[in-house]
Amino acid sequence: LITRGIHEMERFAIALGADGKTINGLA
């Protein structure tokens, strides 16, 4: 769940204009 959740979080954030690197960081 954690690993696939990270994929899900990153996919959502990038689609809305975020930098994918941010999702791989502290936030």
PDB file of all heavy atoms in Angstrom:
ATOM      1  N   LEU A   1       0.823  -1.214   0.000  1.00  0.00           N
ATOM      2  CA  LEU A   1       0.000   0.000   0.000  1.00  0.00           C
ATOM      3  C   LEU A   1       0.856   1.263   0.000  1.00  0.00           C
ATOM      4  O   LEU A   1       0.551   2.233  -0.694  1.00  0.00           O
ATOM      5  CB  LEU A   1      -0.937  -0.001   1.210  1.00  0.00           C
ATOM      6  CG  LEU A   1      -2.199  -0.862   1.100  1.00  0.00           C
ATOM      7  CD1 LEU A   1      -2.865  -0.998   2.463  1.00  0.00           C
ATOM      8  CD2 LEU A   1      -3.168  -0.272   0.086  1.00  0.00           C
ATOM      9  N   ILE A   2       1.942   1.256   0.777  1.00  0.00           N
ATOM     10  CA  ILE A   2       2.829   2.427   0.807  1.00  0.00           C
ATOM     11  C   ILE A   2       3.456   2.645  -0.575  1.00  0.00           C
ATOM     12  O   ILE A   2       3.445   3.752  -1.116  1.00  0.00           O
ATOM     13  CB  ILE A   2       3.918   2.263   1.878  1.00  0.00           C
ATOM     14  CG1 ILE A   2       3.307   2.370   3.282  1.00  0.00           C
ATOM     15  CG2 ILE A   2       5.010   3.319   1.709  1.00  0.00           C
ATOM     16  CD1 ILE A   2       4.268   2.033   4.413  1.00  0.00           C
ATOM     17  N   THR A   3       3.989   1.567  -1.150  1.00  0.00           N
ATOM     18  CA  THR A   3       4.701   1.698  -2.424  1.00  0.00           C
ATOM     19  C   THR A   3       3.769   2.095  -3.560  1.00  0.00           C
ATOM     20  O   THR A   3       4.047   3.027  -4.326  1.00  0.00           O
ATOM     21  CB  THR A   3       5.411   0.372  -2.771  1.00  0.00           C
ATOM     22  OG1 THR A   3       6.211  -0.033  -1.661  1.00  0.00           O
ATOM     23  CG2 THR A   3       6.300   0.541  -3.992  1.00  0.00           C
ATOM     24  N   ARG A   4       2.647   1.393  -3.687  1.00  0.00           N
ATOM     25  CA  ARG A   4       1.698   1.739  -4.752  1.00  0.00           C
ATOM     26  C   ARG A   4       1.033   3.088  -4.458  1.00  0.00           C
ATOM     27  O   ARG A   4       0.672   3.828  -5.368  1.00  0.00           O
ATOM     28  CB  ARG A   4       0.641   0.655  -4.914  1.00  0.00           C
ATOM     29  CG  ARG A   4       1.166  -0.695  -5.378  1.00  0.00           C
ATOM     30  CD  ARG A   4       2.051  -0.612  -6.606  1.00  0.00           C
ATOM     31  NE  ARG A   4       1.400   0.040  -7.734  1.00  0.00           N
ATOM     32  CZ  ARG A   4       2.007   0.369  -8.862  1.00  0.00           C
ATOM     33  NH1 ARG A   4       3.300   0.132  -9.012  1.00  0.00           N
ATOM     34  NH2 ARG A   4       1.340   0.959  -9.843  1.00  0.00           N
ATOM     35  N   GLY A   5       0.909   3.418  -3.174  1.00  0.00           N
ATOM     36  CA  GLY A   5       0.347   4.720  -2.809  1.00  0.00           C
ATOM     37  C   GLY A   5       1.231   5.860  -3.251  1.00  0.00           C
ATOM     38  O   GLY A   5       0.749   6.921  -3.671  1.00  0.00           O
ATOM     39  N   ILE A   6       2.560   5.661  -3.176  1.00  0.00           N
ATOM     40  CA  ILE A   6       3.492   6.694  -3.634  1.00  0.00           C
ATOM     41  C   ILE A   6       3.305   6.938  -5.129  1.00  0.00           C
ATOM     42  O   ILE A   6       3.287   8.079  -5.592  1.00  0.00           O
ATOM     43  CB  ILE A   6       4.940   6.286  -3.310  1.00  0.00           C
ATOM     44  CG1 ILE A   6       5.174   6.327  -1.795  1.00  0.00           C
ATOM     45  CG2 ILE A   6       5.941   7.203  -4.025  1.00  0.00           C
ATOM     46  CD1 ILE A   6       6.440   5.636  -1.346  1.00  0.00           C
ATOM     47  N   HIS A   7       3.151   5.852  -5.895  1.00  0.00           N
ATOM     48  CA  HIS A   7       2.873   6.000  -7.330  1.00  0.00           C
ATOM     49  C   HIS A   7       1.598   6.821  -7.542  1.00  0.00           C
ATOM     50  O   HIS A   7       1.546   7.702  -8.404  1.00  0.00           O
ATOM     51  CB  HIS A   7       2.687   4.619  -7.973  1.00  0.00           C
ATOM     52  CG  HIS A   7       3.960   3.884  -8.228  1.00  0.00           C
ATOM     53  ND1 HIS A   7       4.790   4.146  -9.293  1.00  0.00           N
ATOM     54  CD2 HIS A   7       4.562   2.877  -7.538  1.00  0.00           C
ATOM     55  CE1 HIS A   7       5.830   3.334  -9.267  1.00  0.00           C
ATOM     56  NE2 HIS A   7       5.717   2.564  -8.200  1.00  0.00           N
ATOM     57  N   GLU A   8       0.586   6.510  -6.757  1.00  0.00           N
ATOM     58  CA  GLU A   8      -0.714   7.183  -6.887  1.00  0.00           C
ATOM     59  C   GLU A   8      -0.587   8.667  -6.537  1.00  0.00           C
ATOM     60  O   GLU A   8      -1.119   9.538  -7.231  1.00  0.00           O
ATOM     61  CB  GLU A   8      -1.722   6.489  -5.971  1.00  0.00           C
ATOM     62  CG  GLU A   8      -3.149   6.872  -6.213  1.00  0.00           C
ATOM     63  CD  GLU A   8      -4.122   5.854  -5.614  1.00  0.00           C
ATOM     64  OE1 GLU A   8      -3.960   4.637  -5.857  1.00  0.00           O
ATOM     65  OE2 GLU A   8      -5.038   6.284  -4.904  1.00  0.00           O
ATOM     66  N   MET A   9       0.115   8.957  -5.463  1.00  0.00           N
ATOM     67  CA  MET A   9       0.326  10.336  -5.033  1.00  0.00           C
ATOM     68  C   MET A   9       1.077  11.128  -6.094  1.00  0.00           C
ATOM     69  O   MET A   9       0.719  12.267  -6.430  1.00  0.00           O
ATOM     70  CB  MET A   9       1.113  10.335  -3.713  1.00  0.00           C
ATOM     71  CG  MET A   9       1.227  11.699  -3.046  1.00  0.00           C
ATOM     72  SD  MET A   9       2.449  11.702  -1.693  1.00  0.00           S
ATOM     73  CE  MET A   9       1.914  10.342  -0.692  1.00  0.00           C
ATOM     74  N   GLU A  10       2.130  10.516  -6.641  1.00  0.00           N
ATOM     75  CA  GLU A  10       2.944  11.201  -7.643  1.00  0.00           C
ATOM     76  C   GLU A  10       2.150  11.440  -8.925  1.00  0.00           C
ATOM     77  O   GLU A  10       2.214  12.519  -9.520  1.00  0.00           O
ATOM     78  CB  GLU A  10       4.193  10.363  -7.945  1.00  0.00           C
ATOM     79  CG  GLU A  10       5.184  11.047  -8.858  1.00  0.00           C
ATOM     80  CD  GLU A  10       6.455  10.234  -9.032  1.00  0.00           C
ATOM     81  OE1 GLU A  10       6.417   9.000  -8.844  1.00  0.00           O
ATOM     82  OE2 GLU A  10       7.483  10.840  -9.374  1.00  0.00           O
ATOM     83  N   ARG A  11       1.387  10.436  -9.350  1.00  0.00           N
ATOM     84  CA  ARG A  11       0.573  10.568 -10.565  1.00  0.00           C
ATOM     85  C   ARG A  11      -0.424  11.704 -10.431  1.00  0.00           C
ATOM     86  O   ARG A  11      -0.604  12.523 -11.335  1.00  0.00           O
ATOM     87  CB  ARG A  11      -0.163   9.244 -10.800  1.00  0.00           C
ATOM     88  CG  ARG A  11      -0.872   9.129 -12.142  1.00  0.00           C
ATOM     89  CD  ARG A  11      -1.642   7.824 -12.237  1.00  0.00           C
ATOM     90  NE  ARG A  11      -0.804   6.679 -11.895  1.00  0.00           N
ATOM     91  CZ  ARG A  11      -1.106   5.784 -10.965  1.00  0.00           C
ATOM     92  NH1 ARG A  11      -2.208   5.891 -10.256  1.00  0.00           N
ATOM     93  NH2 ARG A  11      -0.304   4.780 -10.735  1.00  0.00           N
ATOM     94  N   PHE A  12      -1.055  11.793  -9.284  1.00  0.00           N
ATOM     95  CA  PHE A  12      -2.055  12.832  -9.024  1.00  0.00           C
ATOM     96  C   PHE A  12      -1.402  14.212  -9.008  1.00  0.00           C
ATOM     97  O   PHE A  12      -1.887  15.157  -9.653  1.00  0.00           O
ATOM     98  CB  PHE A  12      -2.729  12.542  -7.680  1.00  0.00           C
ATOM     99  CG  PHE A  12      -3.826  13.500  -7.297  1.00  0.00           C
ATOM    100  CD1 PHE A  12      -5.044  13.463  -7.938  1.00  0.00           C
ATOM    101  CD2 PHE A  12      -3.639  14.412  -6.268  1.00  0.00           C
ATOM    102  CE1 PHE A  12      -6.079  14.327  -7.579  1.00  0.00           C
ATOM    103  CE2 PHE A  12      -4.646  15.282  -5.901  1.00  0.00           C
ATOM    104  CZ  PHE A  12      -5.873  15.242  -6.557  1.00  0.00           C
ATOM    105  N   ALA A  13      -0.283  14.326  -8.296  1.00  0.00           N
ATOM    106  CA  ALA A  13       0.378  15.620  -8.148  1.00  0.00           C
ATOM    107  C   ALA A  13       0.906  16.142  -9.484  1.00  0.00           C
ATOM    108  O   ALA A  13       0.726  17.326  -9.822  1.00  0.00           O
ATOM    109  CB  ALA A  13       1.510  15.512  -7.131  1.00  0.00           C
ATOM    110  N   ILE A  14       1.542  15.282 -10.254  1.00  0.00           N
ATOM    111  CA  ILE A  14       2.086  15.703 -11.546  1.00  0.00           C
ATOM    112  C   ILE A  14       0.968  16.139 -12.487  1.00  0.00           C
ATOM    113  O   ILE A  14       1.096  17.149 -13.202  1.00  0.00           O
ATOM    114  CB  ILE A  14       2.935  14.573 -12.169  1.00  0.00           C
ATOM    115  CG1 ILE A  14       4.224  14.387 -11.363  1.00  0.00           C
ATOM    116  CG2 ILE A  14       3.250  14.871 -13.628  1.00  0.00           C
ATOM    117  CD1 ILE A  14       5.048  13.186 -11.777  1.00  0.00           C
ATOM    118  N   ALA A  15      -0.142  15.403 -12.474  1.00  0.00           N
ATOM    119  CA  ALA A  15      -1.270  15.750 -13.341  1.00  0.00           C
ATOM    120  C   ALA A  15      -1.835  17.132 -13.020  1.00  0.00           C
ATOM    121  O   ALA A  15      -2.414  17.787 -13.899  1.00  0.00           O
ATOM    122  CB  ALA A  15      -2.372  14.694 -13.207  1.00  0.00           C
ATOM    123  N   LEU A  16      -1.640  17.590 -11.774  1.00  0.00           N
ATOM    124  CA  LEU A  16      -2.161  18.894 -11.362  1.00  0.00           C
ATOM    125  C   LEU A  16      -1.087  19.980 -11.348  1.00  0.00           C
ATOM    126  O   LEU A  16      -1.310  21.065 -10.822  1.00  0.00           O
ATOM    127  CB  LEU A  16      -2.830  18.770  -9.996  1.00  0.00           C
ATOM    128  CG  LEU A  16      -4.090  17.891  -9.984  1.00  0.00           C
ATOM    129  CD1 LEU A  16      -4.624  17.732  -8.573  1.00  0.00           C
ATOM    130  CD2 LEU A  16      -5.169  18.455 -10.893  1.00  0.00           C
ATOM    131  N   GLY A  17       0.083  19.666 -11.904  1.00  0.00           N
ATOM    132  CA  GLY A  17       1.091  20.705 -12.086  1.00  0.00           C
ATOM    133  C   GLY A  17       2.257  20.694 -11.125  1.00  0.00           C
ATOM    134  O   GLY A  17       3.094  21.603 -11.158  1.00  0.00           O
ATOM    135  N   ALA A  18       2.348  19.692 -10.267  1.00  0.00           N
ATOM    136  CA  ALA A  18       3.441  19.635  -9.294  1.00  0.00           C
ATOM    137  C   ALA A  18       4.689  19.003  -9.906  1.00  0.00           C
ATOM    138  O   ALA A  18       4.630  18.336 -10.942  1.00  0.00           O
ATOM    139  CB  ALA A  18       3.004  18.838  -8.069  1.00  0.00           C
ATOM    140  N   ASP A  19       5.812  19.193  -9.250  1.00  0.00           N
ATOM    141  CA  ASP A  19       7.074  18.560  -9.617  1.00  0.00           C
ATOM    142  C   ASP A  19       7.134  17.201  -8.923  1.00  0.00           C
ATOM    143  O   ASP A  19       7.014  17.112  -7.694  1.00  0.00           O
ATOM    144  CB  ASP A  19       8.238  19.454  -9.155  1.00  0.00           C
ATOM    145  CG  ASP A  19       9.603  18.941  -9.608  1.00  0.00           C
ATOM    146  OD1 ASP A  19       9.727  17.739  -9.899  1.00  0.00           O
ATOM    147  OD2 ASP A  19      10.550  19.745  -9.641  1.00  0.00           O
ATOM    148  N   GLY A  20       7.317  16.143  -9.710  1.00  0.00           N
ATOM    149  CA  GLY A  20       7.343  14.795  -9.140  1.00  0.00           C
ATOM    150  C   GLY A  20       8.406  14.615  -8.075  1.00  0.00           C
ATOM    151  O   GLY A  20       8.252  13.804  -7.150  1.00  0.00           O
ATOM    152  N   LYS A  21       9.511  15.376  -8.151  1.00  0.00           N
ATOM    153  CA  LYS A  21      10.571  15.260  -7.140  1.00  0.00           C
ATOM    154  C   LYS A  21      10.055  15.618  -5.753  1.00  0.00           C
ATOM    155  O   LYS A  21      10.541  15.094  -4.744  1.00  0.00           O
ATOM    156  CB  LYS A  21      11.744  16.171  -7.509  1.00  0.00           C
ATOM    157  CG  LYS A  21      12.568  15.705  -8.701  1.00  0.00           C
ATOM    158  CD  LYS A  21      13.818  16.554  -8.892  1.00  0.00           C
ATOM    159  CE  LYS A  21      13.477  17.996  -9.210  1.00  0.00           C
ATOM    160  NZ  LYS A  21      14.693  18.806  -9.523  1.00  0.00           N
ATOM    161  N   THR A  22       9.115  16.536  -5.686  1.00  0.00           N
ATOM    162  CA  THR A  22       8.574  16.953  -4.384  1.00  0.00           C
ATOM    163  C   THR A  22       7.920  15.780  -3.669  1.00  0.00           C
ATOM    164  O   THR A  22       8.038  15.635  -2.444  1.00  0.00           O
ATOM    165  CB  THR A  22       7.553  18.091  -4.576  1.00  0.00           C
ATOM    166  OG1 THR A  22       8.193  19.172  -5.253  1.00  0.00           O
ATOM    167  CG2 THR A  22       7.009  18.574  -3.245  1.00  0.00           C
ATOM    168  N   ILE A  23       7.234  14.932  -4.425  1.00  0.00           N
ATOM    169  CA  ILE A  23       6.556  13.779  -3.829  1.00  0.00           C
ATOM    170  C   ILE A  23       7.568  12.777  -3.293  1.00  0.00           C
ATOM    171  O   ILE A  23       7.288  12.037  -2.355  1.00  0.00           O
ATOM    172  CB  ILE A  23       5.618  13.116  -4.872  1.00  0.00           C
ATOM    173  CG1 ILE A  23       4.578  14.136  -5.358  1.00  0.00           C
ATOM    174  CG2 ILE A  23       4.922  11.893  -4.284  1.00  0.00           C
ATOM    175  CD1 ILE A  23       3.776  14.800  -4.251  1.00  0.00           C
ATOM    176  N   ASN A  24       8.763  12.763  -3.850  1.00  0.00           N
ATOM    177  CA  ASN A  24       9.804  11.864  -3.356  1.00  0.00           C
ATOM    178  C   ASN A  24      10.602  12.463  -2.205  1.00  0.00           C
ATOM    179  O   ASN A  24      11.604  11.892  -1.771  1.00  0.00           O
ATOM    180  CB  ASN A  24      10.757  11.491  -4.501  1.00  0.00           C
ATOM    181  CG  ASN A  24      10.075  10.612  -5.532  1.00  0.00           C
ATOM    182  OD1 ASN A  24       9.391   9.667  -5.183  1.00  0.00           O
ATOM    183  ND2 ASN A  24      10.237  10.936  -6.803  1.00  0.00           N
ATOM    184  N   GLY A  25      10.142  13.607  -1.691  1.00  0.00           N
ATOM    185  CA  GLY A  25      10.827  14.272  -0.596  1.00  0.00           C
ATOM    186  C   GLY A  25      10.041  14.262   0.700  1.00  0.00           C
ATOM    187  O   GLY A  25       9.156  13.425   0.921  1.00  0.00           O
ATOM    188  N   LEU A  26      10.326  15.225   1.547  1.00  0.00           N
ATOM    189  CA  LEU A  26       9.750  15.277   2.894  1.00  0.00           C
ATOM    190  C   LEU A  26       8.235  15.428   2.887  1.00  0.00           C
ATOM    191  O   LEU A  26       7.537  14.830   3.718  1.00  0.00           O
ATOM    192  CB  LEU A  26      10.378  16.438   3.672  1.00  0.00           C
ATOM    193  CG  LEU A  26      11.861  16.264   4.037  1.00  0.00           C
ATOM    194  CD1 LEU A  26      12.468  17.602   4.435  1.00  0.00           C
ATOM    195  CD2 LEU A  26      12.012  15.242   5.158  1.00  0.00           C
ATOM    196  N   ALA A  27       7.707  16.234   1.952  1.00  0.00           N
ATOM    197  CA  ALA A  27       6.265  16.500   1.936  1.00  0.00           C
ATOM    198  C   ALA A  27       5.458  15.356   1.342  1.00  0.00           C
ATOM    199  O   ALA A  27       4.231  15.329   1.485  1.00  0.00           O
ATOM    200  CB  ALA A  27       5.984  17.780   1.148  1.00  0.00           C
TER     201      ALA A  27
END
